Protein backbone atom coordinates (compact mmCIF):
# COMPACT_ATOMS: atom_id res chain seq x y z
CA MET A 1 0.06 0.01 -0.02
CA ALA A 2 1.39 3.52 -0.86
CA LYS A 3 1.89 5.86 1.86
CA HIS A 4 -0.06 9.05 1.19
CA SER A 5 0.42 12.45 2.85
CA LEU A 6 -2.14 14.88 3.96
CA GLY A 7 0.13 17.88 3.94
CA PRO A 8 -0.10 18.79 0.34
CA TRP A 9 -3.75 18.49 -0.03
CA PHE A 10 -4.18 20.45 3.24
CA ALA A 11 -2.08 23.29 1.79
CA SER A 12 -4.09 23.03 -1.40
CA LEU A 13 -7.23 23.57 0.45
CA LEU A 14 -6.00 26.35 2.55
CA LEU A 15 -4.55 28.13 -0.66
CA LEU A 16 -8.04 27.66 -2.43
CA ASN A 17 -9.82 28.90 0.49
CA VAL A 18 -7.90 32.10 0.70
CA MET A 19 -8.24 32.35 -3.23
CA ASP A 20 -11.95 31.70 -3.03
CA ILE A 21 -12.24 34.53 -0.36
CA LEU A 22 -10.32 36.88 -2.56
CA ALA A 23 -12.17 35.99 -5.86
CA THR A 24 -15.63 36.07 -4.65
CA ASN A 25 -17.66 38.91 -5.85
CA PRO A 26 -20.53 39.94 -3.39
CA ARG A 27 -22.92 41.17 -5.87
CA PHE A 28 -22.88 37.47 -7.31
CA GLU A 29 -22.83 35.46 -4.43
CA SER A 30 -25.66 32.78 -4.34
CA ASN A 31 -24.78 30.72 -1.36
CA PRO A 32 -27.42 31.54 1.11
CA PHE A 33 -25.41 30.51 4.15
CA THR A 34 -22.45 32.84 2.83
CA LEU A 35 -24.99 35.46 2.65
CA TYR A 36 -26.31 34.97 6.00
CA LEU A 37 -22.78 34.89 7.50
CA TRP A 38 -21.96 38.18 5.61
CA GLY A 39 -25.10 39.60 7.29
CA GLN A 40 -24.41 38.42 10.62
CA LEU A 41 -20.85 38.87 10.90
CA GLY A 42 -19.61 40.95 8.14
CA ILE A 43 -17.42 39.98 5.03
CA PHE A 44 -14.09 40.19 6.77
CA LEU A 45 -15.08 38.31 9.99
CA SER A 46 -16.80 35.62 7.78
CA ALA A 47 -13.45 35.10 5.78
CA TRP A 48 -11.37 34.77 8.87
CA LEU A 49 -14.18 32.20 10.02
CA LYS A 50 -13.70 30.15 6.79
CA ILE A 51 -9.88 30.13 7.22
CA GLY A 52 -10.27 29.14 10.70
CA LEU A 53 -12.43 26.12 9.94
CA VAL A 54 -9.78 24.86 7.56
CA LEU A 55 -6.94 25.34 10.10
CA LEU A 56 -9.22 23.50 12.92
CA PHE A 57 -9.68 20.72 10.43
CA GLY A 58 -5.62 20.58 10.15
CA VAL A 59 -5.48 20.39 13.91
CA LEU A 60 -8.04 17.76 13.97
CA CYS A 61 -5.91 15.78 11.83
CA VAL A 62 -2.89 16.22 13.65
CA PHE A 63 -4.50 15.27 16.88
CA ALA A 64 -5.97 12.14 15.21
CA LYS A 65 -2.46 11.00 13.97
CA ARG A 66 -0.98 11.50 17.46
CA ALA A 67 -3.74 9.78 19.21
CA ALA A 68 -4.35 6.87 16.98
CA LYS A 69 -2.63 3.60 16.83
CA PRO A 70 -0.81 2.80 13.48
CA GLY A 71 -3.57 0.62 12.22
CA GLU A 72 -6.20 3.01 13.25
CA TRP A 73 -4.33 5.89 11.67
CA LEU A 74 -4.16 4.12 8.20
CA PHE A 75 -7.85 3.92 8.11
CA ALA A 76 -8.43 7.62 9.46
CA SER A 77 -6.02 8.90 7.02
CA ARG A 78 -7.84 7.39 4.19
CA ILE A 79 -11.07 9.01 5.24
CA PHE A 80 -9.16 12.51 5.80
CA LEU A 81 -7.78 12.21 2.32
CA GLY A 82 -11.04 11.37 0.88
CA ILE A 83 -12.43 14.44 2.42
CA LEU A 84 -9.54 16.66 1.65
CA ILE A 85 -9.94 15.61 -2.16
CA ILE A 86 -13.43 16.42 -2.06
CA LEU A 87 -13.06 19.68 -0.67
CA VAL A 88 -10.14 20.60 -3.00
CA ALA A 89 -12.24 19.49 -6.11
CA PHE A 90 -15.03 21.67 -4.78
CA TYR A 91 -13.01 24.80 -3.96
CA SER A 92 -11.31 24.61 -7.24
CA PHE A 93 -14.53 24.60 -8.92
CA VAL A 94 -15.79 27.41 -7.03
CA VAL A 95 -12.63 29.48 -7.54
CA SER A 96 -12.79 28.92 -11.10
CA TRP A 97 -16.40 29.79 -11.26
CA ASN A 98 -15.70 33.00 -9.42
CA ILE A 99 -12.86 33.87 -11.77
CA PHE A 100 -14.87 33.15 -14.74
CA ILE A 101 -17.70 35.15 -13.37
CA GLY A 102 -15.33 38.14 -12.69
CA LEU A 103 -13.87 38.14 -16.15
CA LEU A 104 -17.27 38.10 -17.71
CA GLN A 105 -18.09 41.43 -15.59
CA VAL A 106 -14.88 43.10 -17.10
């Protein structure tokens, strides 16, 4: 079985999350949860909350690795890797879409 690292996937997720924040145009946001957060917290604090959630996920991965036995970590790391791959794919689409919408508005 090939050993895989969560680090590059986590770094990609964090980078894409920041790019999503930078590329989002508030006039064209369609996510009701994001609109609600912006209304309650403001855009700046909502951005920090999004980044904080990604960092919290990273901390969860580190603590799980330290607490798990080797066999348990193999299983847990596969689950974490699957979650990371799905999130990276999702944020890749979102950032691409935000950039596409932004280019149409120029």
